[in-house]
Amino acid sequence: MKEILIRSLSGLLYVILLLFCINFEPALLGLMLIFGLICMAEFNKLIQLKSYIPYGIFIMLYGLFAFWLYNNQSTEGIDEMTQILMVLTIFVQLFLIKDLFSAKVIPLFSSKRFILTTFYLSSAFVFLVLISYFYKKYNPNILLGAFLLIWVNDSFAYLIGKNFGKQKLFEKISPKKTVEGFLGGLFFACVSSYFIAKYSNTLNFSQWLILGIIISVFGTIGDLIESKFKRQAEVKDSGIIMPGHGGLMDRLDSIIFAAPFIYLFLRILRYVS
C-alpha cells in the first residue's frame, strides 16, 4: 500500500509539473532542457559512457533550436537543419528497431554510443519542442495531446495486460508486456484521439487517430528498446529520481522514441494540406 501511494504521488507530481509548464513557453523550454539533461545522465549510465561530450552536444543542439524558436516563433530559417536532423534521427531509430528484433544485444561500440546520445536522445527533445511550434508560433496543444495519448496507452496497456494478458509480446526483453495489453492500449489511445480532436481545437479526428496509432506503436517500441538497454546494463530502472517509478527516462522512453515520427507526420500534413 505504501509503495502504491509513493508511486501515485511521484507520478502525480510529474504530471502536474508538466501540465503547469506546458502552458508557459519559457517554462516548457526550460523543463525540456532539464528533462533532457537528466535523461542524458541516466542513459549514459546505461550504456556506460563516461564522457561530458554528449551533454555539450545536447546543450548546443537544443539551445540552438530553442533560442531560434523562442525569438522567431517559426522554424523558417532552420528548416533545412530540421530536415537533416529528422532524417538522421529516424535512420538511427530504424537501426535500433533492427537491433531490438535481430540482435541478442544492442551493439555499443564507442562511436555508436555518441551517435545514440545525439540522434536517439538529444534530438528527441528538439522534436518535442518543434511539435509545439507546428503552427509557426507556440501552441502546446498538439504536444499535450501526444503526452495524453502516451499516458492513456501506457495505463490501459498495463491494466489490460495485468488482468487479461496471456500472450507475451516480447518475453525476452519485457516479460510483463502482453499482446492483449498492447492492443488494449492501442484501442483506448484511438478512442482518446476522438476526444482530443473534439476539445483541443487542433487537428481533425482522422489526423489524431493516425497520431494515436503512431504514438501507441512507436511508443511501445521505444519502451522495449529502453528495456533492452536496461537488461544489457543489468538494472531494473534507469535511475531513482522518481520514487516508485525509477528514472525519468523510464517515464519518457515512449515519447522520446515517438517524437521524431510525430513530427514527421505533422510535416507531411503541412505539405498535403
Protein backbone atom coordinates (compact mmCIF):
# COMPACT_ATOMS: atom_id res chain seq x y z
CA MET A 1 0.00 0.00 0.00
CA LYS A 2 2.81 2.39 0.89
CA GLU A 3 4.60 1.62 -2.40
CA ILE A 4 1.41 2.34 -4.40
CA LEU A 5 0.96 5.65 -2.56
CA ILE A 6 4.57 6.70 -3.21
CA ARG A 7 4.26 5.71 -6.87
CA SER A 8 0.99 7.64 -7.23
CA LEU A 9 2.31 10.80 -5.59
CA SER A 10 5.52 10.70 -7.61
CA GLY A 11 3.61 10.24 -10.87
CA LEU A 12 1.13 12.97 -9.95
CA LEU A 13 3.93 15.44 -9.24
CA TYR A 14 5.48 14.69 -12.63
CA VAL A 15 2.13 15.22 -14.42
CA ILE A 16 1.36 18.46 -12.54
CA LEU A 17 4.82 19.84 -13.28
CA LEU A 18 4.47 19.08 -16.99
CA LEU A 19 0.92 20.42 -17.24
CA PHE A 20 1.90 23.63 -15.45
CA CYS A 21 5.00 24.28 -17.56
CA ILE A 22 3.38 23.40 -20.87
CA ASN A 23 1.16 26.47 -20.66
CA PHE A 24 4.13 28.84 -20.45
CA GLU A 25 6.60 28.89 -23.32
CA PRO A 26 9.80 29.71 -21.37
CA ALA A 27 8.83 27.23 -18.63
CA LEU A 28 8.37 24.37 -21.12
CA LEU A 29 11.65 25.15 -22.89
CA GLY A 30 13.44 25.16 -19.54
CA LEU A 31 11.72 21.98 -18.36
CA MET A 32 12.63 20.09 -21.54
CA LEU A 33 16.24 21.21 -21.10
CA ILE A 34 16.30 19.87 -17.53
CA PHE A 35 14.50 16.67 -18.52
CA GLY A 36 16.97 16.17 -21.36
CA LEU A 37 20.00 16.55 -19.10
CA ILE A 38 18.57 14.13 -16.52
CA CYS A 39 17.74 11.56 -19.21
CA MET A 40 21.22 12.01 -20.68
CA ALA A 41 22.79 11.21 -17.30
CA GLU A 42 20.60 8.12 -16.92
CA PHE A 43 21.20 6.92 -20.48
CA ASN A 44 24.97 7.45 -20.29
CA LYS A 45 24.98 5.28 -17.19
CA LEU A 46 23.02 2.56 -19.02
CA ILE A 47 25.42 2.48 -21.97
CA GLN A 48 28.49 3.03 -19.74
CA LEU A 49 29.57 6.23 -21.47
CA LYS A 50 31.75 8.29 -19.15
CA SER A 51 32.09 11.50 -21.14
CA TYR A 52 30.81 15.05 -20.92
CA ILE A 53 30.74 15.45 -24.70
CA PRO A 54 27.10 14.24 -25.07
CA TYR A 55 25.97 16.91 -22.59
CA GLY A 56 27.74 19.59 -24.62
CA ILE A 57 26.22 18.34 -27.86
CA PHE A 58 22.76 18.26 -26.31
CA ILE A 59 23.03 21.78 -24.87
CA MET A 60 24.30 23.21 -28.18
CA LEU A 61 21.72 21.39 -30.31
CA TYR A 62 18.79 22.04 -28.02
CA GLY A 63 19.91 25.60 -27.29
CA LEU A 64 20.15 26.45 -30.99
CA PHE A 65 16.62 25.32 -31.78
CA ALA A 66 15.07 26.62 -28.56
CA PHE A 67 16.70 30.06 -28.94
CA TRP A 68 15.64 30.34 -32.58
CA LEU A 69 12.06 29.21 -31.98
CA TYR A 70 11.59 31.40 -28.92
CA ASN A 71 12.84 34.51 -30.69
CA ASN A 72 11.38 33.88 -34.15
CA GLN A 73 8.23 31.84 -33.39
CA SER A 74 8.89 29.84 -36.56
CA THR A 75 11.06 27.04 -37.93
CA GLU A 76 11.75 29.17 -41.00
CA GLY A 77 15.49 29.71 -41.25
CA ILE A 78 16.43 26.41 -39.65
CA ASP A 79 14.08 24.28 -41.71
CA GLU A 80 16.86 22.60 -43.68
CA MET A 81 18.72 21.76 -40.48
CA THR A 82 15.50 20.35 -39.03
CA GLN A 83 15.01 18.09 -42.04
CA ILE A 84 18.59 16.79 -41.83
CA LEU A 85 18.18 16.12 -38.09
CA MET A 86 14.88 14.34 -38.71
CA VAL A 87 16.33 12.06 -41.40
CA LEU A 88 19.39 11.15 -39.30
CA THR A 89 17.29 10.57 -36.18
CA ILE A 90 14.78 8.30 -37.90
CA PHE A 91 17.63 6.45 -39.63
CA VAL A 92 19.29 5.75 -36.26
CA GLN A 93 15.97 4.73 -34.72
CA LEU A 94 15.27 2.28 -37.54
CA PHE A 95 18.63 0.66 -36.76
CA LEU A 96 17.60 0.44 -33.10
CA ILE A 97 14.40 -1.32 -34.17
CA LYS A 98 16.51 -3.74 -36.19
CA ASP A 99 18.75 -4.35 -33.17
CA LEU A 100 15.69 -4.89 -30.99
CA PHE A 101 14.35 -7.71 -33.15
CA SER A 102 17.50 -9.24 -34.62
CA ALA A 103 20.36 -8.84 -32.14
CA LYS A 104 20.82 -10.54 -28.80
CA VAL A 105 22.32 -7.31 -27.51
CA ILE A 106 22.39 -3.81 -28.96
CA PRO A 107 25.97 -3.23 -30.19
CA LEU A 108 27.56 -0.42 -28.21
CA PHE A 109 30.91 0.28 -29.82
CA SER A 110 32.44 3.63 -28.96
CA SER A 111 31.19 5.72 -31.90
CA LYS A 112 27.69 4.24 -31.64
CA ARG A 113 27.38 5.47 -28.06
CA PHE A 114 27.88 9.06 -29.25
CA ILE A 115 25.54 8.51 -32.21
CA LEU A 116 22.82 7.28 -29.85
CA THR A 117 23.20 10.12 -27.35
CA THR A 118 22.90 12.60 -30.24
CA PHE A 119 20.33 11.10 -32.62
CA TYR A 120 18.32 8.94 -30.24
CA LEU A 121 18.18 11.11 -27.14
CA SER A 122 19.25 14.73 -27.77
CA SER A 123 17.29 15.10 -31.00
CA ALA A 124 14.13 13.71 -29.34
CA PHE A 125 13.88 16.74 -27.06
CA VAL A 126 14.42 19.05 -30.03
CA PHE A 127 11.45 17.41 -31.78
CA LEU A 128 9.29 17.68 -28.66
CA VAL A 129 9.88 21.42 -28.78
CA LEU A 130 9.37 21.59 -32.55
CA ILE A 131 5.97 19.91 -32.15
CA SER A 132 4.92 22.87 -30.01
CA TYR A 133 5.67 25.20 -32.94
CA PHE A 134 3.74 23.28 -35.58
CA TYR A 135 1.53 26.33 -36.15
CA LYS A 136 4.65 28.53 -36.59
CA LYS A 137 4.00 30.03 -33.18
CA TYR A 138 3.97 28.48 -29.74
CA ASN A 139 0.91 26.28 -29.29
CA PRO A 140 1.40 23.35 -26.91
CA ASN A 141 -1.93 21.62 -27.59
CA ILE A 142 -0.55 19.02 -30.00
CA LEU A 143 2.32 18.22 -27.64
CA LEU A 144 -0.13 17.99 -24.74
CA GLY A 145 -2.33 15.68 -26.80
CA ALA A 146 0.67 13.48 -27.59
CA PHE A 147 1.52 13.17 -23.88
CA LEU A 148 -2.12 12.35 -23.09
CA LEU A 149 -2.12 9.60 -25.71
CA ILE A 150 1.11 8.19 -24.27
CA TRP A 151 -0.39 8.18 -20.76
CA VAL A 152 -3.63 6.56 -21.95
CA ASN A 153 -1.75 3.94 -23.97
CA ASP A 154 0.64 3.06 -21.13
CA SER A 155 -2.09 2.99 -18.47
CA PHE A 156 -4.51 0.76 -20.35
CA ALA A 157 -1.73 -1.46 -21.70
CA TYR A 158 -0.74 -2.07 -18.07
CA LEU A 159 -4.30 -2.58 -16.76
CA ILE A 160 -5.49 -4.84 -19.58
CA GLY A 161 -2.22 -6.73 -19.73
CA LYS A 162 -2.23 -7.34 -15.98
CA ASN A 163 -5.84 -8.54 -15.85
CA PHE A 164 -6.34 -10.23 -19.22
CA GLY A 165 -2.88 -10.68 -20.75
CA LYS A 166 -1.87 -14.21 -21.75
CA GLN A 167 0.21 -13.93 -24.94
CA LYS A 168 3.64 -12.40 -24.28
CA LEU A 169 4.59 -9.51 -26.57
CA PHE A 170 8.38 -9.69 -26.21
CA GLU A 171 9.12 -12.00 -23.30
CA LYS A 172 12.93 -11.95 -23.59
CA ILE A 173 13.04 -8.18 -23.18
CA SER A 174 9.95 -7.30 -21.16
CA PRO A 175 8.23 -10.35 -19.60
CA LYS A 176 5.25 -8.37 -18.29
CA LYS A 177 4.19 -6.91 -21.64
CA THR A 178 1.46 -8.82 -23.46
CA VAL A 179 -0.20 -8.69 -26.87
CA GLU A 180 -3.54 -8.12 -25.16
CA GLY A 181 -2.08 -5.19 -23.23
CA PHE A 182 -0.60 -3.67 -26.38
CA LEU A 183 -3.90 -3.96 -28.27
CA GLY A 184 -5.82 -2.59 -25.29
CA GLY A 185 -3.52 0.42 -25.06
CA LEU A 186 -3.82 0.97 -28.83
CA PHE A 187 -7.61 0.74 -28.70
CA PHE A 188 -8.03 3.26 -25.89
CA ALA A 189 -5.46 5.59 -27.46
CA CYS A 190 -7.60 5.58 -30.60
CA VAL A 191 -10.75 6.23 -28.55
CA SER A 192 -8.99 9.08 -26.73
CA SER A 193 -7.96 10.63 -30.05
CA TYR A 194 -11.64 11.41 -30.69
CA PHE A 195 -11.96 13.46 -27.51
CA ILE A 196 -8.62 15.18 -28.05
CA ALA A 197 -9.70 16.16 -31.57
CA LYS A 198 -13.05 17.41 -30.28
CA TYR A 199 -11.76 19.56 -27.42
CA SER A 200 -8.22 20.61 -28.41
CA ASN A 201 -9.14 22.67 -31.48
CA THR A 202 -6.05 21.45 -33.36
CA LEU A 203 -6.17 18.55 -35.81
CA ASN A 204 -9.26 16.71 -37.00
CA PHE A 205 -10.28 13.28 -35.74
CA SER A 206 -8.73 11.30 -38.62
CA GLN A 207 -5.38 13.05 -38.07
CA TRP A 208 -5.47 12.47 -34.31
CA LEU A 209 -6.46 8.84 -34.93
CA ILE A 210 -3.35 8.32 -37.05
CA LEU A 211 -1.27 10.08 -34.37
CA GLY A 212 -2.78 7.77 -31.76
CA ILE A 213 -1.63 4.73 -33.77
CA ILE A 214 1.84 6.22 -34.34
CA ILE A 215 2.24 7.06 -30.66
CA SER A 216 0.98 3.68 -29.47
CA VAL A 217 3.15 1.64 -31.85
CA PHE A 218 6.38 3.64 -31.69
CA GLY A 219 5.89 4.43 -28.00
CA THR A 220 5.71 0.70 -27.25
CA ILE A 221 8.81 0.07 -29.38
CA GLY A 222 10.62 2.85 -27.50
CA ASP A 223 9.69 1.25 -24.20
CA LEU A 224 11.01 -2.12 -25.39
CA ILE A 225 14.25 -0.59 -26.64
CA GLU A 226 14.89 1.09 -23.30
CA SER A 227 14.08 -2.21 -21.57
CA LYS A 228 16.73 -3.88 -23.72
CA PHE A 229 19.29 -1.24 -22.74
CA LYS A 230 18.42 -1.82 -19.07
CA ARG A 231 18.64 -5.59 -19.47
CA GLN A 232 22.11 -5.23 -21.02
CA ALA A 233 23.14 -2.97 -18.14
CA GLU A 234 21.59 -5.47 -15.69
CA VAL A 235 19.49 -2.85 -13.92
CA LYS A 236 15.77 -2.69 -13.19
CA ASP A 237 15.35 1.08 -13.64
CA SER A 238 17.22 3.81 -15.49
CA GLY A 239 17.51 5.87 -12.29
CA ILE A 240 15.96 6.71 -8.93
CA ILE A 241 14.74 10.27 -9.41
CA MET A 242 11.06 9.23 -9.38
CA PRO A 243 10.28 7.09 -6.31
CA GLY A 244 8.16 4.09 -7.24
CA HIS A 245 8.77 4.64 -10.97
CA GLY A 246 12.54 4.58 -11.32
CA GLY A 247 14.29 7.08 -13.54
CA LEU A 248 12.88 9.92 -15.60
CA MET A 249 13.78 8.05 -18.77
CA ASP A 250 11.55 5.21 -17.60
CA ARG A 251 8.65 7.66 -17.88
CA LEU A 252 9.75 9.39 -21.07
CA ASP A 253 11.11 6.47 -23.12
CA SER A 254 7.90 6.17 -25.16
CA ILE A 255 7.59 9.84 -26.10
CA ILE A 256 11.34 10.09 -26.71
CA PHE A 257 11.18 7.41 -29.38
CA ALA A 258 7.84 8.52 -30.84
CA ALA A 259 8.66 12.26 -31.06
CA PRO A 260 10.51 12.22 -34.44
CA PHE A 261 7.72 10.15 -36.03
CA ILE A 262 5.08 12.51 -34.63
CA TYR A 263 6.97 15.46 -36.10
CA LEU A 264 7.39 13.66 -39.46
CA PHE A 265 3.63 13.07 -39.64
CA LEU A 266 2.95 16.74 -38.84
CA ARG A 267 5.33 17.83 -41.61
CA ILE A 268 3.54 15.55 -44.06
CA LEU A 269 0.22 17.12 -43.01
CA ARG A 270 1.63 20.58 -43.64
CA TYR A 271 2.70 19.68 -47.18
CA VAL A 272 -0.51 17.86 -48.19
CA SER A 273 -2.96 20.36 -46.67
